[in-house]
Amino acid sequence: MRIRVGKYLNANDYMDKRVEIKNSDKVIYIKDKIIGKCGTVTMTSGSSIGVLVDGMKNSASNYGVYWFERNEIKINKKWKWGY
C-alpha cells in the first residue's frame, strides 16, 4: 500500500515542474548559493530529483543538474510556461 505524502507521490511526479530550492545540507550547494533559486525538474533517479537551476550548471553532474530530495524543493505553482 502506498502512503500519500502531500499532493505528489514520488520523484517522477515532479518531472517538468518549476520548483524553488528550499534548503539543502550539501555544502557545495550552499556555497554555490542556490538556496532560494528556481529551476525546472529535468530528471529523476530513485527518490532523487534533478533540477536544472536557472542560469546555473552543476559541473559535478554530467547533466548539469543539482540533485535534491522532495523535502528540499517546493513546486512553484505561480510560474507558467510562456509567461
N, C-alpha and C. Protein backbone atom coordinates (compact mmCIF):
# COMPACT_ATOMS: atom_id res chain seq x y z
N MET A 1 0.84 -1.19 0.00
CA MET A 1 0.00 0.00 0.00
C MET A 1 0.88 1.25 0.00
N ARG A 2 0.59 2.20 -0.90
CA ARG A 2 1.34 3.45 -0.96
C ARG A 2 0.72 4.47 -0.01
N ILE A 3 1.55 5.16 0.70
CA ILE A 3 1.08 6.21 1.59
C ILE A 3 1.30 7.54 0.89
N ARG A 4 0.25 8.29 0.74
CA ARG A 4 0.34 9.58 0.05
C ARG A 4 0.91 10.64 0.99
N VAL A 5 1.96 11.32 0.54
CA VAL A 5 2.57 12.40 1.31
C VAL A 5 2.36 13.67 0.50
N GLY A 6 1.45 14.51 0.92
CA GLY A 6 1.14 15.72 0.17
C GLY A 6 0.48 15.34 -1.15
N LYS A 7 0.58 16.22 -2.13
CA LYS A 7 -0.05 16.02 -3.43
C LYS A 7 0.75 15.08 -4.32
N TYR A 8 2.05 15.01 -4.14
CA TYR A 8 2.94 14.27 -5.03
C TYR A 8 3.43 13.00 -4.38
N LEU A 9 3.29 11.89 -5.08
CA LEU A 9 3.62 10.59 -4.52
C LEU A 9 5.10 10.24 -4.59
N ASN A 10 5.74 10.55 -5.71
CA ASN A 10 7.14 10.16 -5.86
C ASN A 10 7.89 11.18 -6.71
N ALA A 11 9.16 10.95 -6.89
CA ALA A 11 10.01 11.89 -7.63
C ALA A 11 9.52 12.11 -9.05
N ASN A 12 8.98 11.09 -9.69
CA ASN A 12 8.50 11.23 -11.07
C ASN A 12 7.37 12.23 -11.20
N ASP A 13 6.61 12.45 -10.14
CA ASP A 13 5.52 13.42 -10.17
C ASP A 13 6.03 14.85 -10.34
N TYR A 14 7.31 15.06 -10.14
CA TYR A 14 7.91 16.39 -10.24
C TYR A 14 8.42 16.71 -11.65
N MET A 15 8.47 15.73 -12.55
CA MET A 15 9.03 15.93 -13.89
C MET A 15 8.40 17.12 -14.59
N ASP A 16 9.27 17.96 -15.17
CA ASP A 16 8.89 19.14 -15.95
C ASP A 16 8.21 20.23 -15.14
N LYS A 17 8.24 20.12 -13.83
CA LYS A 17 7.64 21.15 -12.97
C LYS A 17 8.69 22.21 -12.64
N ARG A 18 8.22 23.44 -12.47
CA ARG A 18 9.06 24.53 -11.99
C ARG A 18 9.10 24.43 -10.46
N VAL A 19 10.30 24.54 -9.89
CA VAL A 19 10.45 24.40 -8.45
C VAL A 19 11.35 25.50 -7.90
N GLU A 20 11.22 25.71 -6.59
CA GLU A 20 12.11 26.60 -5.86
C GLU A 20 12.90 25.75 -4.89
N ILE A 21 14.20 26.03 -4.77
CA ILE A 21 15.06 25.29 -3.84
C ILE A 21 14.83 25.86 -2.45
N LYS A 22 14.31 25.02 -1.53
CA LYS A 22 14.02 25.46 -0.16
C LYS A 22 15.24 25.35 0.74
N ASN A 23 15.95 24.22 0.65
CA ASN A 23 17.12 24.02 1.52
C ASN A 23 17.94 22.84 1.00
N SER A 24 19.11 22.70 1.57
CA SER A 24 19.99 21.58 1.27
C SER A 24 21.09 21.54 2.32
N ASP A 25 21.53 20.32 2.66
CA ASP A 25 22.67 20.24 3.57
C ASP A 25 23.95 19.96 2.80
N LYS A 26 23.89 19.99 1.49
CA LYS A 26 25.11 19.80 0.68
C LYS A 26 25.91 21.10 0.68
N VAL A 27 27.09 21.02 1.23
CA VAL A 27 27.93 22.20 1.42
C VAL A 27 28.17 22.93 0.10
N ILE A 28 28.43 22.20 -0.96
CA ILE A 28 28.72 22.84 -2.25
C ILE A 28 27.50 23.59 -2.78
N TYR A 29 26.30 23.09 -2.50
CA TYR A 29 25.08 23.78 -2.95
C TYR A 29 24.91 25.08 -2.17
N ILE A 30 25.21 25.03 -0.89
CA ILE A 30 25.15 26.25 -0.07
C ILE A 30 26.20 27.24 -0.55
N LYS A 31 27.39 26.74 -0.82
CA LYS A 31 28.47 27.59 -1.32
C LYS A 31 28.12 28.22 -2.67
N ASP A 32 27.45 27.46 -3.54
CA ASP A 32 27.02 27.96 -4.85
C ASP A 32 25.82 28.90 -4.76
N LYS A 33 25.27 29.06 -3.55
CA LYS A 33 24.15 29.97 -3.28
C LYS A 33 22.93 29.66 -4.14
N ILE A 34 22.55 28.39 -4.19
CA ILE A 34 21.36 28.05 -4.98
C ILE A 34 20.08 27.97 -4.14
N ILE A 35 20.21 28.08 -2.82
CA ILE A 35 19.02 28.09 -1.97
C ILE A 35 18.20 29.34 -2.31
N GLY A 36 16.90 29.13 -2.57
CA GLY A 36 16.03 30.24 -2.93
C GLY A 36 15.90 30.45 -4.43
N LYS A 37 16.77 29.81 -5.22
CA LYS A 37 16.69 29.94 -6.68
C LYS A 37 15.63 28.99 -7.24
N CYS A 38 15.25 29.24 -8.48
CA CYS A 38 14.23 28.42 -9.14
C CYS A 38 14.86 27.65 -10.30
N GLY A 39 14.18 26.61 -10.70
CA GLY A 39 14.63 25.81 -11.82
C GLY A 39 13.54 24.86 -12.28
N THR A 40 13.89 24.00 -13.22
CA THR A 40 12.96 23.04 -13.79
C THR A 40 13.46 21.63 -13.53
N VAL A 41 12.56 20.76 -13.10
CA VAL A 41 12.92 19.36 -12.89
C VAL A 41 13.05 18.69 -14.26
N THR A 42 14.24 18.17 -14.53
CA THR A 42 14.50 17.55 -15.84
C THR A 42 14.83 16.08 -15.73
N MET A 43 15.12 15.59 -14.52
CA MET A 43 15.50 14.19 -14.35
C MET A 43 15.05 13.70 -12.98
N THR A 44 14.88 12.39 -12.88
CA THR A 44 14.69 11.75 -11.59
C THR A 44 15.48 10.46 -11.58
N SER A 45 15.92 10.06 -10.41
CA SER A 45 16.64 8.81 -10.23
C SER A 45 16.31 8.28 -8.84
N GLY A 46 15.52 7.23 -8.79
CA GLY A 46 15.06 6.74 -7.49
C GLY A 46 14.22 7.81 -6.83
N SER A 47 14.59 8.21 -5.63
CA SER A 47 13.85 9.26 -4.93
C SER A 47 14.50 10.63 -5.13
N SER A 48 15.58 10.69 -5.89
CA SER A 48 16.28 11.97 -6.13
C SER A 48 15.67 12.70 -7.32
N ILE A 49 15.67 14.03 -7.22
CA ILE A 49 15.08 14.88 -8.23
C ILE A 49 16.16 15.80 -8.78
N GLY A 50 16.38 15.74 -10.10
CA GLY A 50 17.40 16.56 -10.75
C GLY A 50 16.80 17.86 -11.26
N VAL A 51 17.33 18.99 -10.76
CA VAL A 51 16.80 20.31 -11.10
C VAL A 51 17.84 21.08 -11.90
N LEU A 52 17.43 21.56 -13.07
CA LEU A 52 18.26 22.45 -13.86
C LEU A 52 17.96 23.86 -13.37
N VAL A 53 18.86 24.39 -12.55
CA VAL A 53 18.66 25.68 -11.90
C VAL A 53 18.88 26.79 -12.93
N ASP A 54 17.97 27.76 -12.95
CA ASP A 54 18.04 28.86 -13.91
C ASP A 54 19.40 29.54 -13.89
N GLY A 55 20.05 29.60 -15.04
CA GLY A 55 21.31 30.32 -15.17
C GLY A 55 22.51 29.65 -14.54
N MET A 56 22.37 28.41 -14.08
CA MET A 56 23.48 27.73 -13.42
C MET A 56 23.63 26.32 -13.97
N LYS A 57 24.84 25.79 -13.85
CA LYS A 57 25.11 24.42 -14.26
C LYS A 57 25.96 23.75 -13.19
N ASN A 58 25.55 22.58 -12.76
CA ASN A 58 26.31 21.83 -11.78
C ASN A 58 27.44 21.10 -12.50
N SER A 59 28.65 21.58 -12.34
CA SER A 59 29.80 20.99 -13.05
C SER A 59 30.11 19.57 -12.57
N ALA A 60 29.60 19.18 -11.41
CA ALA A 60 29.83 17.83 -10.90
C ALA A 60 28.85 16.81 -11.50
N SER A 61 27.87 17.30 -12.27
CA SER A 61 26.87 16.42 -12.87
C SER A 61 27.07 16.37 -14.38
N ASN A 62 27.01 15.18 -14.95
CA ASN A 62 27.10 15.04 -16.40
C ASN A 62 25.95 15.75 -17.10
N TYR A 63 24.87 15.97 -16.40
CA TYR A 63 23.67 16.57 -16.98
C TYR A 63 23.51 18.04 -16.59
N GLY A 64 24.39 18.54 -15.73
CA GLY A 64 24.32 19.93 -15.31
C GLY A 64 23.26 20.22 -14.26
N VAL A 65 22.64 19.17 -13.73
CA VAL A 65 21.56 19.37 -12.76
C VAL A 65 22.07 19.26 -11.33
N TYR A 66 21.31 19.85 -10.43
CA TYR A 66 21.53 19.71 -9.00
C TYR A 66 20.51 18.70 -8.49
N TRP A 67 20.95 17.83 -7.58
CA TRP A 67 20.10 16.74 -7.09
C TRP A 67 19.55 17.03 -5.71
N PHE A 68 18.23 16.79 -5.56
CA PHE A 68 17.53 17.07 -4.30
C PHE A 68 16.58 15.94 -3.95
N GLU A 69 16.17 15.94 -2.70
CA GLU A 69 15.07 15.09 -2.23
C GLU A 69 13.81 15.96 -2.24
N ARG A 70 12.65 15.33 -2.17
CA ARG A 70 11.38 16.07 -2.24
C ARG A 70 11.27 17.17 -1.19
N ASN A 71 11.76 16.91 0.01
CA ASN A 71 11.61 17.89 1.09
C ASN A 71 12.52 19.11 0.93
N GLU A 72 13.40 19.09 -0.07
CA GLU A 72 14.33 20.21 -0.28
C GLU A 72 13.85 21.19 -1.35
N ILE A 73 12.78 20.85 -2.05
CA ILE A 73 12.27 21.72 -3.10
C ILE A 73 10.77 21.94 -2.93
N LYS A 74 10.29 23.00 -3.56
CA LYS A 74 8.86 23.32 -3.49
C LYS A 74 8.39 23.64 -4.91
N ILE A 75 7.28 23.04 -5.32
CA ILE A 75 6.74 23.32 -6.64
C ILE A 75 6.25 24.76 -6.68
N ASN A 76 6.66 25.47 -7.72
CA ASN A 76 6.29 26.87 -7.91
C ASN A 76 5.01 26.90 -8.74
N LYS A 77 3.87 27.04 -8.10
CA LYS A 77 2.58 26.99 -8.78
C LYS A 77 2.25 28.26 -9.55
N LYS A 78 2.93 29.35 -9.26
CA LYS A 78 2.63 30.63 -9.91
C LYS A 78 3.24 30.73 -11.30
N TRP A 79 4.34 30.00 -11.54
CA TRP A 79 5.04 30.10 -12.81
C TRP A 79 4.30 29.34 -13.87
N LYS A 80 4.17 29.93 -15.06
CA LYS A 80 3.51 29.26 -16.18
C LYS A 80 4.42 29.33 -17.39
N TRP A 81 4.39 28.28 -18.21
CA TRP A 81 5.19 28.26 -19.44
C TRP A 81 4.77 29.42 -20.34
N GLY A 82 5.76 30.09 -20.91
CA GLY A 82 5.49 31.15 -21.85
C GLY A 82 5.14 32.49 -21.25
N TYR A 83 5.19 32.57 -19.93
CA TYR A 83 4.84 33.80 -19.20
C TYR A 83 3.51 34.31 -19.67
